[in-house]
C-alpha atoms as a PDB file:
ATOM      1  CA  MET A   1       0.000   0.000   0.000  1.00  0.00           C
ATOM      2  CA  PHE A   2       2.823   2.392   0.872  1.00  0.00           C
ATOM      3  CA  SER A   3       4.618   1.738  -2.438  1.00  0.00           C
ATOM      4  CA  VAL A   4       1.421   2.507  -4.392  1.00  0.00           C
ATOM      5  CA  MET A   5       1.079   5.832  -2.562  1.00  0.00           C
ATOM      6  CA  LEU A   6       4.754   6.610  -3.187  1.00  0.00           C
ATOM      7  CA  ILE A   7       4.413   5.891  -6.921  1.00  0.00           C
ATOM      8  CA  THR A   8       1.274   8.053  -7.087  1.00  0.00           C
ATOM      9  CA  ALA A   9       3.032  10.906  -5.281  1.00  0.00           C
ATOM     10  CA  THR A  10       6.030  10.622  -7.621  1.00  0.00           C
ATOM     11  CA  LEU A  11       3.842  10.675 -10.732  1.00  0.00           C
ATOM     12  CA  LEU A  12       1.883  13.639  -9.394  1.00  0.00           C
ATOM     13  CA  SER A  13       5.115  15.485  -8.639  1.00  0.00           C
ATOM     14  CA  GLN A  14       6.396  14.834 -12.168  1.00  0.00           C
ATOM     15  CA  LYS A  15       3.115  16.082 -13.658  1.00  0.00           C
ATOM     16  CA  ILE A  16       3.273  19.291 -11.587  1.00  0.00           C
ATOM     17  CA  ASN A  17       6.891  19.845 -12.656  1.00  0.00           C
ATOM     18  CA  SER A  18       5.905  19.317 -16.287  1.00  0.00           C
ATOM     19  CA  ILE A  19       3.056  21.847 -16.027  1.00  0.00           C
ATOM     20  CA  THR A  20       5.335  24.330 -14.254  1.00  0.00           C
ATOM     21  CA  ASP A  21       8.006  23.971 -16.947  1.00  0.00           C
ATOM     22  CA  SER A  22       5.389  24.475 -19.650  1.00  0.00           C
ATOM     23  CA  LEU A  23       3.998  27.605 -17.994  1.00  0.00           C
ATOM     24  CA  THR A  24       7.509  28.961 -17.445  1.00  0.00           C
ATOM     25  CA  ALA A  25       8.356  28.454 -21.108  1.00  0.00           C
ATOM     26  CA  ARG A  26       5.162  30.247 -22.183  1.00  0.00           C
ATOM     27  CA  TYR A  27       5.809  33.131 -19.777  1.00  0.00           C
ATOM     28  CA  GLU A  28       9.404  33.537 -20.990  1.00  0.00           C
ATOM     29  CA  THR A  29       8.207  33.564 -24.596  1.00  0.00           C
ATOM     30  CA  LEU A  30       5.576  36.222 -23.903  1.00  0.00           C
ATOM     31  CA  VAL A  31       7.906  38.415 -21.875  1.00  0.00           C
ATOM     32  CA  THR A  32      10.732  38.133 -24.403  1.00  0.00           C
ATOM     33  CA  THR A  33       8.435  38.918 -27.312  1.00  0.00           C
ATOM     34  CA  ARG A  34       6.849  41.883 -25.566  1.00  0.00           C
ATOM     35  CA  GLN A  35      10.189  43.277 -24.390  1.00  0.00           C
ATOM     36  CA  ASP A  36      11.796  42.886 -27.808  1.00  0.00           C
ATOM     37  CA  THR A  37       8.901  44.607 -29.524  1.00  0.00           C
ATOM     38  CA  LEU A  38       8.381  47.427 -27.038  1.00  0.00           C
ATOM     39  CA  VAL A  39      12.023  48.171 -26.325  1.00  0.00           C
ATOM     40  CA  THR A  40      12.991  48.081 -30.000  1.00  0.00           C
ATOM     41  CA  ALA A  41      10.079  50.266 -31.030  1.00  0.00           C
ATOM     42  CA  LYS A  42      10.671  52.805 -28.265  1.00  0.00           C
ATOM     43  CA  GLN A  43      14.427  52.939 -28.833  1.00  0.00           C
ATOM     44  CA  ASP A  44      14.106  53.311 -32.596  1.00  0.00           C
ATOM     45  CA  THR A  45      11.489  56.016 -32.310  1.00  0.00           C
ATOM     46  CA  LEU A  46      12.661  57.947 -29.270  1.00  0.00           C
ATOM     47  CA  VAL A  47      16.424  57.641 -29.570  1.00  0.00           C
ATOM     48  CA  THR A  48      16.452  58.367 -33.302  1.00  0.00           C
ATOM     49  CA  ALA A  49      13.981  61.242 -33.131  1.00  0.00           C
ATOM     50  CA  GLY A  50      15.396  62.727 -29.908  1.00  0.00           C
ATOM     51  CA  PRO A  51      19.044  63.404 -30.822  1.00  0.00           C
ATOM     52  CA  ASP A  52      18.204  64.369 -34.433  1.00  0.00           C
ATOM     53  CA  THR A  53      15.642  66.903 -33.319  1.00  0.00           C
ATOM     54  CA  LEU A  54      17.723  68.355 -30.481  1.00  0.00           C
ATOM     55  CA  VAL A  55      20.929  68.597 -32.494  1.00  0.00           C
ATOM     56  CA  THR A  56      19.158  70.177 -35.469  1.00  0.00           C
ATOM     57  CA  THR A  57      17.336  72.672 -33.258  1.00  0.00           C
ATOM     58  CA  ARG A  58      20.534  73.718 -31.454  1.00  0.00           C
ATOM     59  CA  GLN A  59      22.456  74.107 -34.700  1.00  0.00           C
ATOM     60  CA  ASP A  60      19.728  76.270 -36.248  1.00  0.00           C
END
């Protein structure tokens, strides 16, 4: 009886670990995608527009 409970607990633990790994992978994918998109878009727009505009305005 004890060995059956131990096997059940082990299988349950493995299933929980599998679900956790799956959720972690999904979370990392979402965060990476969102960060890449937002950071790239903001940097391209703000950094490019900022220095160009400021430098041009000061030179004029």
